Amino acid sequence: MAAYLIHIHENFLQTFVPIKYMDVELAYVGGEEGTDVFVGGAGMHGELYRHLVHIGSNTRGAGGNQVIHNLDVTSEPYELRIISNSSLPNHLVIRLYCRSIHGQTLGILSECQMMKLAD
């Protein structure tokens, strides 16, 4: 099982332009069976969104990837949760695409960068 808990808000990347939307790309790099992945966001006022997807080696796209588009990012901090039910180590690759209100990409975070932010 893999679990990532990240506190997100519009100034998360500390840029002059606030983040308003985020795309979450999940890529499965494990064996044949695949995995279920939960992506959810919860803040002080309740749940913002939740998505449950199954990804595997034969999922849409090359290499079994799934993209969840246009997740809202608010000015109030909230918790982004990405949870997988696979027990294989290193079975999931995650990227967060942070965008402005006009759709401009402000930054792309990989798992390694998310780990550095957590430290």
C-alpha atoms as a PDB file:
ATOM      1  CA  MET A   1       0.000   0.000   0.000  1.00  0.00           C
ATOM      2  CA  ALA A   2       1.236   3.482  -0.847  1.00  0.00           C
ATOM      3  CA  ALA A   3      -0.192   6.623   0.709  1.00  0.00           C
ATOM      4  CA  TYR A   4       0.691  10.236  -0.014  1.00  0.00           C
ATOM      5  CA  LEU A   5      -0.768  13.076   2.057  1.00  0.00           C
ATOM      6  CA  ILE A   6       0.086  16.559   0.819  1.00  0.00           C
ATOM      7  CA  HIS A   7      -1.178  19.911   2.082  1.00  0.00           C
ATOM      8  CA  ILE A   8      -2.163  21.974  -0.959  1.00  0.00           C
ATOM      9  CA  HIS A   9      -3.214  25.622  -1.341  1.00  0.00           C
ATOM     10  CA  GLU A  10      -2.969  28.225  -4.094  1.00  0.00           C
ATOM     11  CA  ASN A  11       0.492  29.439  -2.967  1.00  0.00           C
ATOM     12  CA  PHE A  12       1.858  25.906  -2.638  1.00  0.00           C
ATOM     13  CA  LEU A  13       4.644  26.517  -5.183  1.00  0.00           C
ATOM     14  CA  GLN A  14       5.416  29.994  -3.794  1.00  0.00           C
ATOM     15  CA  THR A  15       5.075  31.659  -7.204  1.00  0.00           C
ATOM     16  CA  PHE A  16       3.680  35.117  -7.935  1.00  0.00           C
ATOM     17  CA  VAL A  17       0.786  33.546  -9.824  1.00  0.00           C
ATOM     18  CA  PRO A  18      -1.546  31.454  -7.621  1.00  0.00           C
ATOM     19  CA  ILE A  19      -2.352  27.848  -8.499  1.00  0.00           C
ATOM     20  CA  LYS A  20      -6.037  27.400  -9.352  1.00  0.00           C
ATOM     21  CA  TYR A  21      -6.118  23.946 -10.966  1.00  0.00           C
ATOM     22  CA  MET A  22      -4.152  20.756 -10.725  1.00  0.00           C
ATOM     23  CA  ASP A  23      -3.951  17.635 -12.870  1.00  0.00           C
ATOM     24  CA  VAL A  24      -2.847  14.391 -11.211  1.00  0.00           C
ATOM     25  CA  GLU A  25      -1.144  11.848 -13.465  1.00  0.00           C
ATOM     26  CA  LEU A  26      -0.903   8.295 -12.159  1.00  0.00           C
ATOM     27  CA  ALA A  27       1.219   5.727 -13.993  1.00  0.00           C
ATOM     28  CA  TYR A  28       1.321   2.051 -13.074  1.00  0.00           C
ATOM     29  CA  VAL A  29       4.714   0.377 -13.407  1.00  0.00           C
ATOM     30  CA  GLY A  30       4.030  -2.844 -11.466  1.00  0.00           C
ATOM     31  CA  GLY A  31       3.011  -6.299 -12.640  1.00  0.00           C
ATOM     32  CA  GLU A  32       0.013  -7.445 -14.654  1.00  0.00           C
ATOM     33  CA  GLU A  33      -2.703  -7.233 -11.981  1.00  0.00           C
ATOM     34  CA  GLY A  34      -2.890  -3.444 -11.653  1.00  0.00           C
ATOM     35  CA  THR A  35      -4.017  -1.455  -8.643  1.00  0.00           C
ATOM     36  CA  ASP A  36      -6.883   0.686  -7.395  1.00  0.00           C
ATOM     37  CA  VAL A  37      -5.953   4.279  -6.587  1.00  0.00           C
ATOM     38  CA  PHE A  38      -7.979   6.765  -4.547  1.00  0.00           C
ATOM     39  CA  VAL A  39      -7.364  10.485  -5.135  1.00  0.00           C
ATOM     40  CA  GLY A  40      -9.241  12.780  -2.785  1.00  0.00           C
ATOM     41  CA  GLY A  41      -9.145  16.234  -1.344  1.00  0.00           C
ATOM     42  CA  ALA A  42     -10.556  17.312   2.010  1.00  0.00           C
ATOM     43  CA  GLY A  43     -10.434  20.691   3.705  1.00  0.00           C
ATOM     44  CA  MET A  44     -11.824  22.389   6.768  1.00  0.00           C
ATOM     45  CA  HIS A  45     -15.276  22.557   5.183  1.00  0.00           C
ATOM     46  CA  GLY A  46     -15.476  18.937   4.062  1.00  0.00           C
ATOM     47  CA  GLU A  47     -14.592  16.866   1.037  1.00  0.00           C
ATOM     48  CA  LEU A  48     -13.665  18.735  -2.144  1.00  0.00           C
ATOM     49  CA  TYR A  49     -13.419  15.787  -4.521  1.00  0.00           C
ATOM     50  CA  ARG A  50     -12.805  12.055  -4.695  1.00  0.00           C
ATOM     51  CA  HIS A  51     -11.815   9.781  -7.529  1.00  0.00           C
ATOM     52  CA  LEU A  52     -11.302   6.036  -7.534  1.00  0.00           C
ATOM     53  CA  VAL A  53      -9.528   4.631 -10.585  1.00  0.00           C
ATOM     54  CA  HIS A  54      -8.112   1.260 -11.529  1.00  0.00           C
ATOM     55  CA  ILE A  55      -4.864   1.368 -13.447  1.00  0.00           C
ATOM     56  CA  GLY A  56      -2.818  -1.484 -14.803  1.00  0.00           C
ATOM     57  CA  SER A  57      -0.527  -2.390 -17.653  1.00  0.00           C
ATOM     58  CA  ASN A  58      -3.452  -2.370 -20.118  1.00  0.00           C
ATOM     59  CA  THR A  59      -5.155   0.833 -18.897  1.00  0.00           C
ATOM     60  CA  ARG A  60      -5.690   3.777 -21.239  1.00  0.00           C
ATOM     61  CA  GLY A  61      -2.520   5.282 -22.630  1.00  0.00           C
ATOM     62  CA  ALA A  62       0.939   3.860 -23.009  1.00  0.00           C
ATOM     63  CA  GLY A  63       2.305   2.183 -19.917  1.00  0.00           C
ATOM     64  CA  GLY A  64      -0.996   2.208 -18.035  1.00  0.00           C
ATOM     65  CA  ASN A  65      -1.475   5.808 -17.000  1.00  0.00           C
ATOM     66  CA  GLN A  66      -4.513   7.816 -15.929  1.00  0.00           C
ATOM     67  CA  VAL A  67      -4.877  11.597 -15.651  1.00  0.00           C
ATOM     68  CA  ILE A  68      -7.424  13.282 -13.403  1.00  0.00           C
ATOM     69  CA  HIS A  69      -7.952  16.771 -14.823  1.00  0.00           C
ATOM     70  CA  ASN A  70      -8.909  20.158 -13.376  1.00  0.00           C
ATOM     71  CA  LEU A  71      -8.918  19.558  -9.638  1.00  0.00           C
ATOM     72  CA  ASP A  72      -9.691  22.864  -7.930  1.00  0.00           C
ATOM     73  CA  VAL A  73      -7.051  24.415  -5.687  1.00  0.00           C
ATOM     74  CA  THR A  74      -8.364  26.833  -3.059  1.00  0.00           C
ATOM     75  CA  SER A  75      -6.791  29.604  -1.019  1.00  0.00           C
ATOM     76  CA  GLU A  76      -7.469  27.615   2.155  1.00  0.00           C
ATOM     77  CA  PRO A  77      -5.100  24.685   2.788  1.00  0.00           C
ATOM     78  CA  TYR A  78      -6.550  21.239   2.203  1.00  0.00           C
ATOM     79  CA  GLU A  79      -5.185  17.732   2.221  1.00  0.00           C
ATOM     80  CA  LEU A  80      -4.629  15.880  -1.045  1.00  0.00           C
ATOM     81  CA  ARG A  81      -4.674  12.103  -0.528  1.00  0.00           C
ATOM     82  CA  ILE A  82      -3.361   9.579  -3.025  1.00  0.00           C
ATOM     83  CA  ILE A  83      -3.739   6.002  -1.786  1.00  0.00           C
ATOM     84  CA  SER A  84      -2.995   2.775  -3.654  1.00  0.00           C
ATOM     85  CA  ASN A  85      -3.922  -0.758  -2.590  1.00  0.00           C
ATOM     86  CA  SER A  86      -0.937  -2.537  -4.172  1.00  0.00           C
ATOM     87  CA  SER A  87       1.717  -4.116  -1.961  1.00  0.00           C
ATOM     88  CA  LEU A  88       4.426  -4.029  -4.659  1.00  0.00           C
ATOM     89  CA  PRO A  89       7.218  -1.522  -3.954  1.00  0.00           C
ATOM     90  CA  ASN A  90       7.627   1.292  -6.483  1.00  0.00           C
ATOM     91  CA  HIS A  91       4.475   0.325  -8.408  1.00  0.00           C
ATOM     92  CA  LEU A  92       3.115   3.829  -8.971  1.00  0.00           C
ATOM     93  CA  VAL A  93       4.548   6.995 -10.511  1.00  0.00           C
ATOM     94  CA  ILE A  94       2.764  10.243  -9.648  1.00  0.00           C
ATOM     95  CA  ARG A  95       3.055  13.717 -11.177  1.00  0.00           C
ATOM     96  CA  LEU A  96       1.147  16.857 -10.192  1.00  0.00           C
ATOM     97  CA  TYR A  97       0.655  19.505 -12.886  1.00  0.00           C
ATOM     98  CA  CYS A  98      -0.090  22.858 -11.217  1.00  0.00           C
ATOM     99  CA  ARG A  99      -1.835  25.442 -13.418  1.00  0.00           C
ATOM    100  CA  SER A 100      -2.976  29.049 -13.187  1.00  0.00           C
ATOM    101  CA  ILE A 101      -6.550  30.260 -13.689  1.00  0.00           C
ATOM    102  CA  HIS A 102      -5.673  30.782 -17.386  1.00  0.00           C
ATOM    103  CA  GLY A 103      -4.371  27.224 -17.831  1.00  0.00           C
ATOM    104  CA  GLN A 104      -0.672  28.131 -17.808  1.00  0.00           C
ATOM    105  CA  THR A 105       1.493  25.387 -16.273  1.00  0.00           C
ATOM    106  CA  LEU A 106       3.248  26.831 -13.228  1.00  0.00           C
ATOM    107  CA  GLY A 107       5.068  23.694 -12.149  1.00  0.00           C
ATOM    108  CA  ILE A 108       5.216  19.927 -12.377  1.00  0.00           C
ATOM    109  CA  LEU A 109       5.947  17.963  -9.222  1.00  0.00           C
ATOM    110  CA  SER A 110       7.233  14.405  -9.276  1.00  0.00           C
ATOM    111  CA  GLU A 111       7.231  12.016  -6.326  1.00  0.00           C
ATOM    112  CA  CYS A 112      10.866  12.853  -5.578  1.00  0.00           C
ATOM    113  CA  GLN A 113      10.062  16.581  -5.405  1.00  0.00           C
ATOM    114  CA  MET A 114       7.017  15.889  -3.217  1.00  0.00           C
ATOM    115  CA  MET A 115       9.243  13.917  -0.825  1.00  0.00           C
ATOM    116  CA  LYS A 116      11.673  16.855  -0.624  1.00  0.00           C
ATOM    117  CA  LEU A 117       8.795  19.231   0.180  1.00  0.00           C
ATOM    118  CA  ALA A 118       7.679  16.870   2.946  1.00  0.00           C
ATOM    119  CA  ASP A 119      11.133  16.834   4.583  1.00  0.00           C
END
